[in-house]
């Protein structure tokens, strides 16, 4: 069962939208969850008002256009999904690199602290010697 929007139905069958809404309310026309009306109901009720060849061609064009647009809207979703997955993978690699750099910096900081402590200890031991002790211990 084919469906078209109320605006499209109004244009194709040359009836006002108010008329279509009134027929929807009375139950003469069915509407799907997207708000589109049944083409068969529109033909049954208003087919006598228009040239059947023109109406058939207009309906076919509208349905084909709708199907084509739905198909096109699915393609970007897939390409966007692939693009996002690619970006996520790159960001995960960047996170790993940054974690490695952070670990290196932490290890380097620890080594520098050890070196600093060693120098402080050496300095304290040399400060305890007197003037003659520093001169002759060298």
N, C-alpha and C. Protein backbone atom coordinates (compact mmCIF):
# COMPACT_ATOMS: atom_id res chain seq x y z
N UNK A 1 0.85 -1.18 0.00
CA UNK A 1 0.00 0.00 0.00
C UNK A 1 0.89 1.23 0.00
N UNK A 2 0.69 2.11 -0.97
CA UNK A 2 1.51 3.31 -1.11
C UNK A 2 0.90 4.46 -0.34
N UNK A 3 1.77 5.30 0.19
CA UNK A 3 1.34 6.46 0.95
C UNK A 3 2.06 7.70 0.45
N UNK A 4 1.37 8.84 0.53
CA UNK A 4 1.97 10.12 0.17
C UNK A 4 1.58 11.13 1.24
N UNK A 5 2.33 12.20 1.28
CA UNK A 5 2.04 13.23 2.29
C UNK A 5 0.73 13.94 1.96
N UNK A 6 0.17 14.58 2.96
CA UNK A 6 -1.09 15.31 2.76
C UNK A 6 -0.91 16.45 1.76
N UNK A 7 0.23 17.13 1.82
CA UNK A 7 0.50 18.21 0.85
C UNK A 7 0.56 17.67 -0.57
N UNK A 8 1.25 16.54 -0.75
CA UNK A 8 1.35 15.94 -2.08
C UNK A 8 -0.03 15.51 -2.57
N UNK A 9 -0.81 14.88 -1.68
CA UNK A 9 -2.15 14.43 -2.06
C UNK A 9 -3.02 15.61 -2.47
N UNK A 10 -2.90 16.70 -1.73
CA UNK A 10 -3.68 17.90 -2.03
C UNK A 10 -3.36 18.42 -3.43
N UNK A 11 -2.08 18.46 -3.76
CA UNK A 11 -1.67 18.96 -5.08
C UNK A 11 -2.08 18.01 -6.20
N UNK A 12 -1.83 16.72 -6.01
CA UNK A 12 -2.10 15.74 -7.07
C UNK A 12 -3.59 15.62 -7.34
N UNK A 13 -4.40 15.54 -6.28
CA UNK A 13 -5.83 15.29 -6.45
C UNK A 13 -6.65 16.56 -6.48
N UNK A 14 -5.99 17.71 -6.40
CA UNK A 14 -6.65 19.02 -6.52
C UNK A 14 -7.81 19.18 -5.52
N UNK A 15 -7.49 18.84 -4.25
CA UNK A 15 -8.44 19.07 -3.16
C UNK A 15 -7.69 19.78 -2.05
N UNK A 16 -8.43 20.50 -1.22
CA UNK A 16 -7.76 21.24 -0.15
C UNK A 16 -7.29 20.29 0.95
N UNK A 17 -6.33 20.75 1.69
CA UNK A 17 -5.84 19.97 2.84
C UNK A 17 -6.94 19.83 3.87
N UNK A 18 -7.76 20.87 4.02
CA UNK A 18 -8.88 20.80 4.97
C UNK A 18 -9.84 19.67 4.61
N UNK A 19 -10.09 19.48 3.32
CA UNK A 19 -10.95 18.39 2.88
C UNK A 19 -10.34 17.04 3.25
N UNK A 20 -9.03 16.94 3.03
CA UNK A 20 -8.34 15.67 3.37
C UNK A 20 -8.41 15.43 4.88
N UNK A 21 -8.18 16.47 5.67
CA UNK A 21 -8.25 16.32 7.13
C UNK A 21 -9.66 15.92 7.57
N UNK A 22 -10.68 16.50 6.94
CA UNK A 22 -12.06 16.15 7.28
C UNK A 22 -12.34 14.68 6.96
N UNK A 23 -11.86 14.22 5.83
CA UNK A 23 -12.05 12.81 5.45
C UNK A 23 -11.25 11.88 6.36
N UNK A 24 -10.09 12.34 6.82
CA UNK A 24 -9.31 11.55 7.79
C UNK A 24 -10.10 11.40 9.08
N UNK A 25 -10.69 12.51 9.52
CA UNK A 25 -11.45 12.52 10.77
C UNK A 25 -12.67 11.60 10.68
N UNK A 26 -13.30 11.57 9.51
CA UNK A 26 -14.49 10.73 9.34
C UNK A 26 -14.12 9.27 9.09
N UNK A 27 -12.82 8.99 8.85
CA UNK A 27 -12.39 7.61 8.66
C UNK A 27 -12.42 7.14 7.22
N UNK A 28 -12.73 8.02 6.29
CA UNK A 28 -12.79 7.64 4.88
C UNK A 28 -11.39 7.47 4.28
N UNK A 29 -10.39 8.13 4.88
CA UNK A 29 -9.01 8.03 4.42
C UNK A 29 -8.18 7.51 5.60
N UNK A 30 -7.25 6.61 5.28
CA UNK A 30 -6.37 6.09 6.34
C UNK A 30 -5.03 6.81 6.27
N UNK A 31 -4.42 6.93 7.44
CA UNK A 31 -3.14 7.63 7.57
C UNK A 31 -2.20 6.70 8.33
N UNK A 32 -0.92 6.66 7.90
CA UNK A 32 0.05 5.81 8.62
C UNK A 32 0.71 6.61 9.74
N UNK A 33 1.64 5.97 10.44
CA UNK A 33 2.29 6.60 11.60
C UNK A 33 3.15 7.81 11.21
N UNK A 34 3.59 7.88 9.94
CA UNK A 34 4.38 9.02 9.47
C UNK A 34 3.50 10.21 9.10
N UNK A 35 2.18 10.03 9.13
CA UNK A 35 1.27 11.11 8.77
C UNK A 35 0.95 11.13 7.29
N UNK A 36 1.34 10.09 6.56
CA UNK A 36 1.05 10.01 5.13
C UNK A 36 -0.28 9.31 4.90
N UNK A 37 -0.99 9.73 3.85
CA UNK A 37 -2.31 9.16 3.54
C UNK A 37 -2.19 8.09 2.47
N UNK A 38 -3.17 7.19 2.45
CA UNK A 38 -3.19 6.10 1.50
C UNK A 38 -3.55 6.62 0.10
N UNK A 39 -2.73 6.25 -0.87
CA UNK A 39 -2.99 6.65 -2.25
C UNK A 39 -4.27 6.00 -2.75
N UNK A 40 -4.51 4.75 -2.36
CA UNK A 40 -5.71 4.04 -2.81
C UNK A 40 -6.98 4.74 -2.32
N UNK A 41 -6.95 5.21 -1.07
CA UNK A 41 -8.11 5.94 -0.55
C UNK A 41 -8.32 7.24 -1.31
N UNK A 42 -7.24 7.92 -1.62
CA UNK A 42 -7.34 9.19 -2.35
C UNK A 42 -7.91 8.96 -3.75
N UNK A 43 -7.47 7.89 -4.41
CA UNK A 43 -7.99 7.59 -5.75
C UNK A 43 -9.47 7.24 -5.66
N UNK A 44 -9.85 6.44 -4.68
CA UNK A 44 -11.23 6.03 -4.50
C UNK A 44 -12.15 7.24 -4.29
N UNK A 45 -11.68 8.20 -3.48
CA UNK A 45 -12.53 9.34 -3.15
C UNK A 45 -12.44 10.48 -4.16
N UNK A 46 -11.26 10.74 -4.68
CA UNK A 46 -11.06 11.95 -5.48
C UNK A 46 -10.54 11.69 -6.89
N UNK A 47 -10.48 10.45 -7.29
CA UNK A 47 -9.93 10.10 -8.60
C UNK A 47 -10.71 10.68 -9.75
N UNK A 48 -12.00 10.91 -9.58
CA UNK A 48 -12.84 11.46 -10.66
C UNK A 48 -12.54 12.93 -10.95
N UNK A 49 -11.85 13.62 -10.05
CA UNK A 49 -11.59 15.05 -10.22
C UNK A 49 -10.40 15.34 -11.13
N UNK A 50 -9.58 14.33 -11.37
CA UNK A 50 -8.35 14.58 -12.14
C UNK A 50 -8.22 13.58 -13.26
N UNK A 51 -7.33 13.91 -14.21
CA UNK A 51 -7.02 13.02 -15.32
C UNK A 51 -6.24 11.83 -14.77
N UNK A 52 -6.73 10.62 -14.99
CA UNK A 52 -6.12 9.42 -14.40
C UNK A 52 -4.67 9.22 -14.85
N UNK A 53 -4.37 9.50 -16.10
CA UNK A 53 -2.99 9.33 -16.57
C UNK A 53 -2.05 10.27 -15.82
N UNK A 54 -2.43 11.50 -15.68
CA UNK A 54 -1.59 12.48 -14.98
C UNK A 54 -1.47 12.09 -13.51
N UNK A 55 -2.58 11.69 -12.91
CA UNK A 55 -2.56 11.30 -11.50
C UNK A 55 -1.66 10.09 -11.28
N UNK A 56 -1.82 9.08 -12.12
CA UNK A 56 -0.98 7.88 -11.97
C UNK A 56 0.49 8.23 -12.09
N UNK A 57 0.83 9.03 -13.08
CA UNK A 57 2.24 9.41 -13.28
C UNK A 57 2.75 10.24 -12.11
N UNK A 58 1.94 11.17 -11.61
CA UNK A 58 2.36 12.00 -10.48
C UNK A 58 2.58 11.15 -9.23
N UNK A 59 1.69 10.19 -9.01
CA UNK A 59 1.84 9.31 -7.84
C UNK A 59 3.09 8.46 -7.97
N UNK A 60 3.29 7.91 -9.14
CA UNK A 60 4.50 7.09 -9.36
C UNK A 60 5.75 7.93 -9.15
N UNK A 61 5.75 9.16 -9.67
CA UNK A 61 6.91 10.04 -9.48
C UNK A 61 7.14 10.34 -8.01
N UNK A 62 6.08 10.64 -7.27
CA UNK A 62 6.21 10.95 -5.84
C UNK A 62 6.75 9.75 -5.07
N UNK A 63 6.23 8.57 -5.36
CA UNK A 63 6.69 7.36 -4.65
C UNK A 63 8.13 7.06 -4.99
N UNK A 64 8.49 7.18 -6.28
CA UNK A 64 9.88 6.94 -6.67
C UNK A 64 10.83 7.95 -6.02
N UNK A 65 10.40 9.20 -5.98
CA UNK A 65 11.22 10.24 -5.35
C UNK A 65 11.39 9.95 -3.87
N UNK A 66 10.31 9.55 -3.22
CA UNK A 66 10.36 9.22 -1.79
C UNK A 66 11.31 8.05 -1.55
N UNK A 67 11.20 7.00 -2.35
CA UNK A 67 12.08 5.84 -2.20
C UNK A 67 13.53 6.21 -2.46
N UNK A 68 13.75 7.05 -3.46
CA UNK A 68 15.11 7.49 -3.80
C UNK A 68 15.70 8.30 -2.64
N UNK A 69 14.90 9.20 -2.08
CA UNK A 69 15.38 10.02 -0.95
C UNK A 69 15.68 9.16 0.27
N UNK A 70 14.85 8.16 0.54
CA UNK A 70 15.11 7.26 1.66
C UNK A 70 16.42 6.51 1.45
N UNK A 71 16.64 6.07 0.21
CA UNK A 71 17.88 5.35 -0.11
C UNK A 71 19.10 6.26 0.07
N UNK A 72 18.97 7.51 -0.38
CA UNK A 72 20.07 8.45 -0.23
C UNK A 72 20.34 8.79 1.23
N UNK A 73 19.29 8.88 2.03
CA UNK A 73 19.48 9.22 3.44
C UNK A 73 20.16 8.08 4.20
N UNK A 74 20.04 6.84 3.73
CA UNK A 74 20.72 5.72 4.39
C UNK A 74 22.21 5.72 4.08
N UNK A 75 22.60 6.14 2.89
CA UNK A 75 24.01 6.12 2.51
C UNK A 75 24.86 7.02 3.39
N UNK A 76 24.47 8.28 3.66
CA UNK A 76 25.29 9.11 4.53
C UNK A 76 25.41 8.53 5.94
N UNK A 77 24.37 7.88 6.42
CA UNK A 77 24.45 7.27 7.74
C UNK A 77 25.58 6.25 7.77
N UNK A 78 25.66 5.43 6.72
CA UNK A 78 26.71 4.42 6.67
C UNK A 78 28.09 5.05 6.54
N UNK A 79 28.22 6.07 5.68
CA UNK A 79 29.52 6.71 5.51
C UNK A 79 29.89 7.50 6.76
N UNK A 80 28.91 8.15 7.39
CA UNK A 80 29.18 8.88 8.63
C UNK A 80 29.60 7.91 9.72
N UNK A 81 28.96 6.76 9.75
CA UNK A 81 29.31 5.76 10.76
C UNK A 81 30.74 5.28 10.56
N UNK A 82 31.12 5.04 9.31
CA UNK A 82 32.49 4.61 9.01
C UNK A 82 33.48 5.71 9.38
N UNK A 83 33.13 6.94 9.06
CA UNK A 83 34.01 8.07 9.38
C UNK A 83 34.19 8.22 10.89
N UNK A 84 33.10 8.08 11.63
CA UNK A 84 33.18 8.18 13.08
C UNK A 84 34.00 7.04 13.68
N UNK A 85 33.84 5.84 13.15
CA UNK A 85 34.63 4.70 13.63
C UNK A 85 36.11 4.94 13.37
N UNK A 86 36.43 5.50 12.22
CA UNK A 86 37.81 5.81 11.89
C UNK A 86 38.37 6.85 12.86
N UNK A 87 37.59 7.88 13.15
CA UNK A 87 38.04 8.92 14.09
C UNK A 87 38.24 8.34 15.49
N UNK A 88 37.35 7.45 15.89
CA UNK A 88 37.48 6.82 17.21
C UNK A 88 38.77 6.02 17.29
N UNK A 89 39.07 5.27 16.24
CA UNK A 89 40.30 4.46 16.22
C UNK A 89 41.53 5.37 16.32
N UNK A 90 41.52 6.48 15.59
CA UNK A 90 42.65 7.41 15.64
C UNK A 90 42.79 8.02 17.03
N UNK A 91 41.68 8.37 17.64
CA UNK A 91 41.73 8.95 18.99
C UNK A 91 42.23 7.92 20.01
N UNK A 92 41.84 6.67 19.85
CA UNK A 92 42.32 5.63 20.76
C UNK A 92 43.84 5.47 20.62
N UNK A 93 44.36 5.54 19.39
CA UNK A 93 45.80 5.46 19.18
C UNK A 93 46.49 6.65 19.84
N UNK A 94 45.91 7.82 19.70
CA UNK A 94 46.48 9.03 20.29
C UNK A 94 46.52 8.91 21.81
N UNK A 95 45.46 8.35 22.40
CA UNK A 95 45.41 8.15 23.85
C UNK A 95 46.53 7.22 24.29
N UNK A 96 46.74 6.13 23.55
CA UNK A 96 47.82 5.20 23.88
C UNK A 96 49.18 5.90 23.83
N UNK A 97 49.39 6.71 22.80
CA UNK A 97 50.66 7.44 22.68
C UNK A 97 50.85 8.39 23.86
N UNK A 98 49.80 9.09 24.22
CA UNK A 98 49.90 10.04 25.33
C UNK A 98 50.15 9.32 26.66
N UNK A 99 49.54 8.15 26.84
CA UNK A 99 49.78 7.38 28.06
C UNK A 99 51.23 6.92 28.13
N UNK A 100 51.78 6.49 26.98
CA UNK A 100 53.19 6.09 26.94
C UNK A 100 54.09 7.28 27.28
N UNK A 101 53.79 8.45 26.73
CA UNK A 101 54.58 9.64 27.02
C UNK A 101 54.49 10.01 28.50
N UNK A 102 53.31 9.89 29.06
CA UNK A 102 53.12 10.20 30.48
C UNK A 102 53.94 9.24 31.35
N UNK A 103 53.92 7.96 31.03
CA UNK A 103 54.71 6.99 31.78
C UNK A 103 56.21 7.30 31.68
N UNK A 104 56.66 7.70 30.50
CA UNK A 104 58.07 8.05 30.31
C UNK A 104 58.44 9.26 31.18
N UNK A 105 57.56 10.27 31.18
CA UNK A 105 57.82 11.48 31.97
C UNK A 105 57.84 11.15 33.45
N UNK A 106 56.94 10.28 33.90
CA UNK A 106 56.93 9.89 35.31
C UNK A 106 58.21 9.16 35.69
N UNK A 107 58.65 8.26 34.83
CA UNK A 107 59.90 7.52 35.10
C UNK A 107 61.09 8.48 35.12
N UNK A 108 61.12 9.42 34.20
CA UNK A 108 62.19 10.41 34.14
C UNK A 108 62.18 11.28 35.39
N UNK A 109 61.00 11.68 35.84
CA UNK A 109 60.88 12.49 37.04
C UNK A 109 61.41 11.73 38.26
N UNK A 110 61.07 10.46 38.35
CA UNK A 110 61.54 9.63 39.46
C UNK A 110 63.07 9.55 39.45
N UNK A 111 63.64 9.35 38.27
CA UNK A 111 65.10 9.24 38.15
C UNK A 111 65.76 10.57 38.56
N UNK A 112 65.18 11.69 38.11
CA UNK A 112 65.73 12.99 38.46
C UNK A 112 65.65 13.26 39.96
N UNK A 113 64.58 12.83 40.60
CA UNK A 113 64.47 12.98 42.05
C UNK A 113 65.56 12.19 42.76
N UNK A 114 65.84 10.99 42.28
CA UNK A 114 66.89 10.17 42.87
C UNK A 114 68.26 10.85 42.72
N UNK A 115 68.47 11.39 41.53
CA UNK A 115 69.75 12.08 41.29
C UNK A 115 69.88 13.30 42.20
N UNK A 116 68.81 14.03 42.37
CA UNK A 116 68.81 15.21 43.22
C UNK A 116 69.08 14.82 44.68
N UNK A 117 68.44 13.78 45.16
CA UNK A 117 68.67 13.32 46.53
C UNK A 117 70.12 12.90 46.73
N UNK A 118 70.68 12.22 45.74
CA UNK A 118 72.08 11.78 45.83
C UNK A 118 73.01 12.99 45.91
N UNK A 119 72.75 14.00 45.12
CA UNK A 119 73.58 15.21 45.15
C UNK A 119 73.45 15.93 46.49
N UNK A 120 72.23 15.96 47.03
CA UNK A 120 72.04 16.59 48.34
C UNK A 120 72.82 15.86 49.43
N UNK A 121 72.80 14.53 49.37
CA UNK A 121 73.54 13.75 50.36
C UNK A 121 75.04 14.03 50.25
N UNK A 122 75.55 14.06 49.01
CA UNK A 122 76.98 14.34 48.80
C UNK A 122 77.33 15.75 49.31
N UNK A 123 76.44 16.68 49.07
CA UNK A 123 76.68 18.05 49.49
C UNK A 123 76.70 18.15 51.02
N UNK A 124 75.81 17.47 51.71
CA UNK A 124 75.76 17.49 53.16
C UNK A 124 77.03 16.89 53.76
N UNK A 125 77.50 15.80 53.15
CA UNK A 125 78.71 15.18 53.71
C UNK A 125 79.93 16.06 53.50
N UNK A 126 79.99 16.80 52.41
CA UNK A 126 81.13 17.69 52.19
C UNK A 126 81.03 18.93 53.07
N UNK A 127 79.82 19.33 53.44
CA UNK A 127 79.64 20.51 54.28
C UNK A 127 80.07 20.24 55.71
N UNK A 128 80.07 18.98 56.14
CA UNK A 128 80.45 18.64 57.51
C UNK A 128 81.96 18.74 57.72
N UNK A 129 82.71 18.57 56.68
CA UNK A 129 84.17 18.64 56.81
C UNK A 129 84.58 20.09 57.02
N UNK A 130 85.60 20.27 57.73
CA UNK A 130 86.13 21.61 57.93
C UNK A 130 86.88 22.07 56.71
N UNK A 131 87.48 23.23 56.82
CA UNK A 131 88.22 23.83 55.72
C UNK A 131 89.41 22.97 55.35
N UNK A 132 90.17 22.51 56.33
CA UNK A 132 91.32 21.67 56.03
C UNK A 132 90.90 20.31 55.49
N UNK A 133 89.75 19.80 55.98
CA UNK A 133 89.27 18.51 55.50
C UNK A 133 88.85 18.56 54.04
N UNK A 134 88.29 19.68 53.65
CA UNK A 134 87.87 19.82 52.25
C UNK A 134 89.09 20.00 51.34
N UNK A 135 90.08 20.66 51.83
CA UNK A 135 91.27 20.91 51.00
C UNK A 135 92.05 19.62 50.78
N UNK A 136 92.23 18.82 51.81
CA UNK A 136 93.08 17.65 51.70
C UNK A 136 92.33 16.37 51.30
N UNK A 137 91.00 16.38 51.22
CA UNK A 137 90.26 15.15 50.89
C UNK A 137 90.08 15.00 49.37
N UNK A 138 90.31 15.98 48.59
CA UNK A 138 90.07 16.05 47.20
C UNK A 138 90.78 15.18 46.32
